[in-house]
């Protein structure tokens, strides 16, 4: 990536007055991924190179875990203050497990008076069609989505009678399914003057931690702690 500040014509040729290129290097394998980024600045014939981030990352899909060493931004919530740190970070990473649905999913229930064909639509998109017997019907695990949605369940029996049930629903990544835990813990030192100096870190160590727990499908508890530099803070919230 590069940003050219200004081009100036000089003596029949084009002279570059300023530029800000960005360089990234990445190596990955069974050991994880090692990456480093630099920012360059060229101005008035002078070139400066500043290191941005240098990080080693290792993923464990089995435990849905992410371990990172180097430069990173600590985890938190909308009501906490993220900072740049250098050290070690361990956090739950559900992105490594696409088979896990962490958002609470709506449940639909109905009753069929006779053997029927069930068709399910989510936002007018067909997602399920199957035969069902007479009696109560419950559908769990609708396709994950975010925001407002509309589910429509259609039952058609052999005589051609049709029953339609519509239900609006709302899903948000702020909620976790009941029993799910999301967490992150960091230890290291604070980084200062990011993008200006390559290696400027605070002297005093610090540690932070964040946790979310799905108490119910409609209630998620949150907690955050910070310790270091003469400060100890413990806070909580809910969604």
C-alpha atoms as a PDB file:
ATOM      1  CA  UNK A   1       0.000   0.000   0.000  1.00  0.00           C
ATOM      2  CA  UNK A   2       1.264   3.477  -0.749  1.00  0.00           C
ATOM      3  CA  UNK A   3       0.012   7.026  -0.461  1.00  0.00           C
ATOM      4  CA  UNK A   4       1.574   9.698  -2.684  1.00  0.00           C
ATOM      5  CA  UNK A   5       1.380  13.121  -1.100  1.00  0.00           C
ATOM      6  CA  UNK A   6       2.251  15.277  -4.118  1.00  0.00           C
ATOM      7  CA  UNK A   7       3.942  15.012  -7.504  1.00  0.00           C
ATOM      8  CA  UNK A   8       5.795  18.031  -8.814  1.00  0.00           C
ATOM      9  CA  UNK A   9       7.058  18.604 -12.343  1.00  0.00           C
ATOM     10  CA  UNK A  10      10.697  19.663 -12.344  1.00  0.00           C
ATOM     11  CA  UNK A  11      12.950  20.144 -15.356  1.00  0.00           C
ATOM     12  CA  UNK A  12      10.767  18.100 -17.707  1.00  0.00           C
ATOM     13  CA  UNK A  13      10.526  15.170 -15.230  1.00  0.00           C
ATOM     14  CA  UNK A  14       8.202  14.263 -12.368  1.00  0.00           C
ATOM     15  CA  UNK A  15       9.637  14.696  -8.867  1.00  0.00           C
ATOM     16  CA  UNK A  16       8.083  12.929  -5.897  1.00  0.00           C
ATOM     17  CA  UNK A  17       7.850  15.222  -2.880  1.00  0.00           C
ATOM     18  CA  UNK A  18       6.271  12.845  -0.340  1.00  0.00           C
ATOM     19  CA  UNK A  19       5.069   9.235  -0.064  1.00  0.00           C
ATOM     20  CA  UNK A  20       3.865   6.922   2.705  1.00  0.00           C
ATOM     21  CA  UNK A  21       4.220   3.260   1.669  1.00  0.00           C
ATOM     22  CA  UNK A  22       3.275   0.372   3.955  1.00  0.00           C
ATOM     23  CA  UNK A  23       5.096  -2.979   3.926  1.00  0.00           C
ATOM     24  CA  UNK A  24       3.864  -6.294   5.308  1.00  0.00           C
ATOM     25  CA  UNK A  25       5.723  -9.588   5.684  1.00  0.00           C
ATOM     26  CA  UNK A  26       3.956 -12.821   6.609  1.00  0.00           C
ATOM     27  CA  UNK A  27       5.235 -16.387   7.148  1.00  0.00           C
ATOM     28  CA  UNK A  28       2.867 -19.188   8.134  1.00  0.00           C
ATOM     29  CA  UNK A  29       2.901 -22.935   8.654  1.00  0.00           C
ATOM     30  CA  UNK A  30       2.083 -25.596  11.283  1.00  0.00           C
ATOM     31  CA  UNK A  31       3.886 -23.425  13.845  1.00  0.00           C
ATOM     32  CA  UNK A  32       1.378 -20.610  13.313  1.00  0.00           C
ATOM     33  CA  UNK A  33       1.686 -17.279  11.526  1.00  0.00           C
ATOM     34  CA  UNK A  34       4.469 -14.738  11.951  1.00  0.00           C
ATOM     35  CA  UNK A  35       3.807 -11.283  10.520  1.00  0.00           C
ATOM     36  CA  UNK A  36       5.310  -7.833  10.724  1.00  0.00           C
ATOM     37  CA  UNK A  37       4.263  -4.512   9.254  1.00  0.00           C
ATOM     38  CA  UNK A  38       6.256  -1.349   8.594  1.00  0.00           C
ATOM     39  CA  UNK A  39       5.339   2.151   7.516  1.00  0.00           C
ATOM     40  CA  UNK A  40       7.683   4.248   5.454  1.00  0.00           C
ATOM     41  CA  UNK A  41       7.758   7.997   5.021  1.00  0.00           C
ATOM     42  CA  UNK A  42       9.574   9.857   2.278  1.00  0.00           C
ATOM     43  CA  UNK A  43       9.662  13.618   2.436  1.00  0.00           C
ATOM     44  CA  UNK A  44      12.136  16.208   1.150  1.00  0.00           C
ATOM     45  CA  UNK A  45      14.675  13.555   0.252  1.00  0.00           C
ATOM     46  CA  UNK A  46      14.560  11.894   3.691  1.00  0.00           C
ATOM     47  CA  UNK A  47      13.285   8.359   4.292  1.00  0.00           C
ATOM     48  CA  UNK A  48      12.018   7.113   7.673  1.00  0.00           C
ATOM     49  CA  UNK A  49      10.887   3.539   8.430  1.00  0.00           C
ATOM     50  CA  UNK A  50       8.663   2.810  11.439  1.00  0.00           C
ATOM     51  CA  UNK A  51       7.702  -0.654  12.649  1.00  0.00           C
ATOM     52  CA  UNK A  52       3.972  -1.005  13.254  1.00  0.00           C
ATOM     53  CA  UNK A  53       3.137  -4.522  14.497  1.00  0.00           C
ATOM     54  CA  UNK A  54       5.172  -7.707  14.891  1.00  0.00           C
ATOM     55  CA  UNK A  55       3.039 -10.672  15.957  1.00  0.00           C
ATOM     56  CA  UNK A  56       3.149 -14.452  16.172  1.00  0.00           C
ATOM     57  CA  UNK A  57      -0.303 -16.098  16.162  1.00  0.00           C
ATOM     58  CA  UNK A  58      -1.283 -19.721  16.746  1.00  0.00           C
ATOM     59  CA  UNK A  59      -4.794 -21.134  16.375  1.00  0.00           C
ATOM     60  CA  UNK A  60      -6.340 -24.239  17.924  1.00  0.00           C
ATOM     61  CA  UNK A  61      -9.631 -25.169  16.213  1.00  0.00           C
ATOM     62  CA  UNK A  62     -10.157 -28.034  18.674  1.00  0.00           C
ATOM     63  CA  UNK A  63     -10.342 -25.631  21.654  1.00  0.00           C
ATOM     64  CA  UNK A  64     -11.505 -22.625  19.577  1.00  0.00           C
ATOM     65  CA  UNK A  65      -8.441 -20.825  20.911  1.00  0.00           C
ATOM     66  CA  UNK A  66      -6.186 -18.044  19.667  1.00  0.00           C
ATOM     67  CA  UNK A  67      -2.762 -17.399  21.247  1.00  0.00           C
ATOM     68  CA  UNK A  68      -0.875 -14.287  20.210  1.00  0.00           C
ATOM     69  CA  UNK A  69       2.525 -12.932  21.206  1.00  0.00           C
ATOM     70  CA  UNK A  70       3.910  -9.564  20.193  1.00  0.00           C
ATOM     71  CA  UNK A  71       1.917  -6.435  19.429  1.00  0.00           C
ATOM     72  CA  UNK A  72      -1.878  -6.460  19.690  1.00  0.00           C
ATOM     73  CA  UNK A  73      -4.944  -4.552  20.891  1.00  0.00           C
ATOM     74  CA  UNK A  74      -6.453  -5.924  24.078  1.00  0.00           C
ATOM     75  CA  UNK A  75     -10.003  -7.247  24.042  1.00  0.00           C
ATOM     76  CA  UNK A  76     -12.927  -5.542  25.707  1.00  0.00           C
ATOM     77  CA  UNK A  77     -16.425  -4.218  25.240  1.00  0.00           C
ATOM     78  CA  UNK A  78     -18.066  -1.037  23.962  1.00  0.00           C
ATOM     79  CA  UNK A  79     -17.867   0.375  27.501  1.00  0.00           C
ATOM     80  CA  UNK A  80     -14.158  -0.381  28.053  1.00  0.00           C
ATOM     81  CA  UNK A  81     -11.080   1.370  26.675  1.00  0.00           C
ATOM     82  CA  UNK A  82      -8.905  -0.714  24.341  1.00  0.00           C
ATOM     83  CA  UNK A  83      -5.172   0.002  24.258  1.00  0.00           C
ATOM     84  CA  UNK A  84      -2.228  -1.229  22.237  1.00  0.00           C
ATOM     85  CA  UNK A  85      -0.029  -3.666  24.120  1.00  0.00           C
ATOM     86  CA  UNK A  86       3.032  -5.858  23.674  1.00  0.00           C
ATOM     87  CA  UNK A  87       3.029  -9.212  25.420  1.00  0.00           C
ATOM     88  CA  UNK A  88       0.890 -12.344  25.307  1.00  0.00           C
ATOM     89  CA  UNK A  89      -2.820 -12.679  24.584  1.00  0.00           C
ATOM     90  CA  UNK A  90      -5.016 -15.771  24.961  1.00  0.00           C
ATOM     91  CA  UNK A  91      -8.580 -15.562  23.725  1.00  0.00           C
ATOM     92  CA  UNK A  92     -11.502 -17.674  22.607  1.00  0.00           C
ATOM     93  CA  UNK A  93     -11.834 -17.570  18.811  1.00  0.00           C
ATOM     94  CA  UNK A  94     -15.110 -18.983  17.537  1.00  0.00           C
ATOM     95  CA  UNK A  95     -14.077 -18.131  13.966  1.00  0.00           C
ATOM     96  CA  UNK A  96     -11.960 -21.305  13.987  1.00  0.00           C
ATOM     97  CA  UNK A  97     -15.131 -23.367  14.609  1.00  0.00           C
ATOM     98  CA  UNK A  98     -17.716 -22.516  11.941  1.00  0.00           C
ATOM     99  CA  UNK A  99     -19.760 -25.518  13.091  1.00  0.00           C
ATOM    100  CA  UNK A 100     -20.560 -23.754  16.378  1.00  0.00           C
ATOM    101  CA  UNK A 101     -23.527 -21.374  16.367  1.00  0.00           C
ATOM    102  CA  UNK A 102     -22.870 -18.924  19.186  1.00  0.00           C
ATOM    103  CA  UNK A 103     -25.857 -16.634  18.587  1.00  0.00           C
ATOM    104  CA  UNK A 104     -29.155 -17.558  20.214  1.00  0.00           C
ATOM    105  CA  UNK A 105     -31.408 -18.913  17.459  1.00  0.00           C
ATOM    106  CA  UNK A 106     -35.193 -18.491  17.411  1.00  0.00           C
ATOM    107  CA  UNK A 107     -37.442 -21.501  18.053  1.00  0.00           C
ATOM    108  CA  UNK A 108     -40.669 -22.062  16.162  1.00  0.00           C
ATOM    109  CA  UNK A 109     -43.496 -24.305  17.326  1.00  0.00           C
ATOM    110  CA  UNK A 110     -46.726 -25.357  15.668  1.00  0.00           C
ATOM    111  CA  UNK A 111     -49.205 -28.241  15.594  1.00  0.00           C
ATOM    112  CA  UNK A 112     -50.264 -30.292  12.580  1.00  0.00           C
ATOM    113  CA  UNK A 113     -53.784 -31.737  12.620  1.00  0.00           C
ATOM    114  CA  UNK A 114     -52.835 -34.340  10.003  1.00  0.00           C
ATOM    115  CA  UNK A 115     -49.672 -35.555   8.233  1.00  0.00           C
ATOM    116  CA  UNK A 116     -48.409 -32.581   6.244  1.00  0.00           C
ATOM    117  CA  UNK A 117     -45.542 -31.068   4.296  1.00  0.00           C
ATOM    118  CA  UNK A 118     -43.680 -28.393   6.240  1.00  0.00           C
ATOM    119  CA  UNK A 119     -42.008 -25.486   4.443  1.00  0.00           C
ATOM    120  CA  UNK A 120     -39.933 -22.951   6.355  1.00  0.00           C
ATOM    121  CA  UNK A 121     -38.986 -19.516   4.986  1.00  0.00           C
ATOM    122  CA  UNK A 122     -36.643 -17.004   6.622  1.00  0.00           C
ATOM    123  CA  UNK A 123     -36.936 -13.517   5.120  1.00  0.00           C
ATOM    124  CA  UNK A 124     -38.870 -15.136   2.225  1.00  0.00           C
ATOM    125  CA  UNK A 125     -35.949 -17.473   1.468  1.00  0.00           C
ATOM    126  CA  UNK A 126     -36.818 -21.218   1.640  1.00  0.00           C
ATOM    127  CA  UNK A 127     -34.543 -23.002   4.131  1.00  0.00           C
ATOM    128  CA  UNK A 128     -36.392 -26.240   4.977  1.00  0.00           C
ATOM    129  CA  UNK A 129     -38.968 -28.599   3.460  1.00  0.00           C
ATOM    130  CA  UNK A 130     -39.928 -31.974   4.947  1.00  0.00           C
ATOM    131  CA  UNK A 131     -42.820 -34.266   5.802  1.00  0.00           C
ATOM    132  CA  UNK A 132     -44.153 -34.239   9.360  1.00  0.00           C
ATOM    133  CA  UNK A 133     -46.687 -36.330  11.186  1.00  0.00           C
ATOM    134  CA  UNK A 134     -49.733 -35.187  13.098  1.00  0.00           C
ATOM    135  CA  UNK A 135     -49.013 -33.548  16.422  1.00  0.00           C
ATOM    136  CA  UNK A 136     -46.767 -30.812  17.849  1.00  0.00           C
ATOM    137  CA  UNK A 137     -43.807 -29.547  15.813  1.00  0.00           C
ATOM    138  CA  UNK A 138     -40.777 -27.622  17.082  1.00  0.00           C
ATOM    139  CA  UNK A 139     -37.953 -26.235  14.948  1.00  0.00           C
ATOM    140  CA  UNK A 140     -34.672 -25.223  16.568  1.00  0.00           C
ATOM    141  CA  UNK A 141     -31.523 -23.778  15.047  1.00  0.00           C
ATOM    142  CA  UNK A 142     -32.716 -21.420  12.339  1.00  0.00           C
ATOM    143  CA  UNK A 143     -29.957 -20.234   9.992  1.00  0.00           C
ATOM    144  CA  UNK A 144     -27.883 -17.615  11.863  1.00  0.00           C
ATOM    145  CA  UNK A 145     -28.536 -14.023  10.887  1.00  0.00           C
ATOM    146  CA  UNK A 146     -28.175 -10.585  12.419  1.00  0.00           C
ATOM    147  CA  UNK A 147     -30.763  -7.917  13.015  1.00  0.00           C
ATOM    148  CA  UNK A 148     -34.468  -8.144  12.431  1.00  0.00           C
ATOM    149  CA  UNK A 149     -35.894 -11.065  10.485  1.00  0.00           C
ATOM    150  CA  UNK A 150     -39.163 -12.774   9.645  1.00  0.00           C
ATOM    151  CA  UNK A 151     -39.763 -16.525   9.843  1.00  0.00           C
ATOM    152  CA  UNK A 152     -42.748 -18.104   8.081  1.00  0.00           C
ATOM    153  CA  UNK A 153     -43.822 -21.708   8.583  1.00  0.00           C
ATOM    154  CA  UNK A 154     -46.273 -23.234   6.091  1.00  0.00           C
ATOM    155  CA  UNK A 155     -48.099 -26.558   6.670  1.00  0.00           C
ATOM    156  CA  UNK A 156     -49.957 -28.279   3.789  1.00  0.00           C
ATOM    157  CA  UNK A 157     -51.879 -31.504   4.397  1.00  0.00           C
ATOM    158  CA  UNK A 158     -52.923 -34.086   1.804  1.00  0.00           C
ATOM    159  CA  UNK A 159     -56.342 -32.457   1.385  1.00  0.00           C
ATOM    160  CA  UNK A 160     -54.689 -29.202   0.286  1.00  0.00           C
ATOM    161  CA  UNK A 161     -55.456 -27.256   3.444  1.00  0.00           C
ATOM    162  CA  UNK A 162     -52.729 -24.781   4.291  1.00  0.00           C
ATOM    163  CA  UNK A 163     -51.754 -23.228   7.621  1.00  0.00           C
ATOM    164  CA  UNK A 164     -49.278 -20.359   7.840  1.00  0.00           C
ATOM    165  CA  UNK A 165     -47.514 -19.161  10.983  1.00  0.00           C
ATOM    166  CA  UNK A 166     -45.368 -16.001  10.893  1.00  0.00           C
ATOM    167  CA  UNK A 167     -43.013 -14.863  13.635  1.00  0.00           C
ATOM    168  CA  UNK A 168     -40.663 -11.848  13.688  1.00  0.00           C
ATOM    169  CA  UNK A 169     -37.337 -12.309  15.464  1.00  0.00           C
ATOM    170  CA  UNK A 170     -34.193 -10.364  16.323  1.00  0.00           C
ATOM    171  CA  UNK A 171     -30.630 -11.660  16.679  1.00  0.00           C
ATOM    172  CA  UNK A 172     -27.477  -9.806  17.722  1.00  0.00           C
ATOM    173  CA  UNK A 173     -23.789 -10.759  18.239  1.00  0.00           C
ATOM    174  CA  UNK A 174     -24.002  -9.053  21.643  1.00  0.00           C
ATOM    175  CA  UNK A 175     -25.766 -12.178  22.937  1.00  0.00           C
ATOM    176  CA  UNK A 176     -24.305 -15.650  23.487  1.00  0.00           C
ATOM    177  CA  UNK A 177     -26.272 -18.877  23.495  1.00  0.00           C
ATOM    178  CA  UNK A 178     -27.034 -20.306  26.905  1.00  0.00           C
ATOM    179  CA  UNK A 179     -23.957 -21.971  28.412  1.00  0.00           C
ATOM    180  CA  UNK A 180     -21.403 -20.476  25.974  1.00  0.00           C
ATOM    181  CA  UNK A 181     -18.334 -18.671  27.339  1.00  0.00           C
ATOM    182  CA  UNK A 182     -16.201 -16.125  25.497  1.00  0.00           C
ATOM    183  CA  UNK A 183     -13.041 -14.807  27.130  1.00  0.00           C
ATOM    184  CA  UNK A 184      -9.713 -13.050  26.585  1.00  0.00           C
ATOM    185  CA  UNK A 185      -6.688 -12.416  28.814  1.00  0.00           C
ATOM    186  CA  UNK A 186      -3.623 -10.261  28.137  1.00  0.00           C
ATOM    187  CA  UNK A 187      -0.389  -9.569  29.984  1.00  0.00           C
ATOM    188  CA  UNK A 188       2.437  -7.260  28.961  1.00  0.00           C
ATOM    189  CA  UNK A 189       3.177  -3.557  28.720  1.00  0.00           C
ATOM    190  CA  UNK A 190       1.394  -0.654  27.066  1.00  0.00           C
ATOM    191  CA  UNK A 191       2.653   0.605  23.731  1.00  0.00           C
ATOM    192  CA  UNK A 192       2.994   4.345  23.114  1.00  0.00           C
ATOM    193  CA  UNK A 193       3.298   6.552  20.007  1.00  0.00           C
ATOM    194  CA  UNK A 194       2.122   3.846  17.607  1.00  0.00           C
ATOM    195  CA  UNK A 195       3.032   4.747  14.032  1.00  0.00           C
ATOM    196  CA  UNK A 196       5.514   7.368  15.230  1.00  0.00           C
ATOM    197  CA  UNK A 197       8.177   5.322  17.057  1.00  0.00           C
ATOM    198  CA  UNK A 198       9.074   1.689  16.409  1.00  0.00           C
ATOM    199  CA  UNK A 199       9.799   0.633  19.987  1.00  0.00           C
ATOM    200  CA  UNK A 200       8.252   2.823  22.643  1.00  0.00           C
ATOM    201  CA  UNK A 201       6.765   0.834  25.512  1.00  0.00           C
ATOM    202  CA  UNK A 202       5.794   1.662  29.080  1.00  0.00           C
ATOM    203  CA  UNK A 203       7.987   0.331  31.885  1.00  0.00           C
ATOM    204  CA  UNK A 204       5.279  -0.962  34.248  1.00  0.00           C
ATOM    205  CA  UNK A 205       3.580  -4.284  33.390  1.00  0.00           C
ATOM    206  CA  UNK A 206      -0.170  -4.608  33.214  1.00  0.00           C
ATOM    207  CA  UNK A 207      -2.799  -7.305  32.723  1.00  0.00           C
ATOM    208  CA  UNK A 208      -6.355  -7.212  31.429  1.00  0.00           C
ATOM    209  CA  UNK A 209      -9.116  -9.775  31.111  1.00  0.00           C
ATOM    210  CA  UNK A 210     -12.622  -9.939  29.650  1.00  0.00           C
ATOM    211  CA  UNK A 211     -15.323 -12.603  29.858  1.00  0.00           C
ATOM    212  CA  UNK A 212     -18.850 -13.098  28.508  1.00  0.00           C
ATOM    213  CA  UNK A 213     -21.256 -15.810  29.643  1.00  0.00           C
ATOM    214  CA  UNK A 214     -24.611 -16.733  28.162  1.00  0.00           C
ATOM    215  CA  UNK A 215     -26.770 -17.102  31.270  1.00  0.00           C
ATOM    216  CA  UNK A 216     -29.863 -17.553  29.103  1.00  0.00           C
ATOM    217  CA  UNK A 217     -30.549 -17.113  25.404  1.00  0.00           C
ATOM    218  CA  UNK A 218     -31.821 -13.617  26.207  1.00  0.00           C
ATOM    219  CA  UNK A 219     -29.273 -12.525  28.831  1.00  0.00           C
ATOM    220  CA  UNK A 220     -25.469 -12.397  28.505  1.00  0.00           C
ATOM    221  CA  UNK A 221     -23.279 -11.312  31.433  1.00  0.00           C
ATOM    222  CA  UNK A 222     -20.029  -9.388  30.867  1.00  0.00           C
ATOM    223  CA  UNK A 223     -17.008  -8.710  33.048  1.00  0.00           C
ATOM    224  CA  UNK A 224     -13.743  -6.823  32.568  1.00  0.00           C
ATOM    225  CA  UNK A 225     -10.669  -6.394  34.786  1.00  0.00           C
ATOM    226  CA  UNK A 226      -7.506  -4.273  34.512  1.00  0.00           C
ATOM    227  CA  UNK A 227      -4.463  -4.349  36.809  1.00  0.00           C
ATOM    228  CA  UNK A 228      -1.237  -2.377  36.437  1.00  0.00           C
ATOM    229  CA  UNK A 229       0.455   1.016  36.629  1.00  0.00           C
ATOM    230  CA  UNK A 230      -1.024   1.667  40.076  1.00  0.00           C
ATOM    231  CA  UNK A 231      -4.583   0.951  38.950  1.00  0.00           C
ATOM    232  CA  UNK A 232      -6.916  -1.950  39.699  1.00  0.00           C
ATOM    233  CA  UNK A 233     -10.314  -1.891  38.023  1.00  0.00           C
ATOM    234  CA  UNK A 234     -13.170  -4.419  37.958  1.00  0.00           C
ATOM    235  CA  UNK A 235     -16.362  -3.751  36.012  1.00  0.00           C
ATOM    236  CA  UNK A 236     -19.367  -5.641  34.775  1.00  0.00           C
ATOM    237  CA  UNK A 237     -22.324  -5.312  32.469  1.00  0.00           C
ATOM    238  CA  UNK A 238     -25.039  -7.228  30.688  1.00  0.00           C
ATOM    239  CA  UNK A 239     -26.674  -7.473  27.295  1.00  0.00           C
END
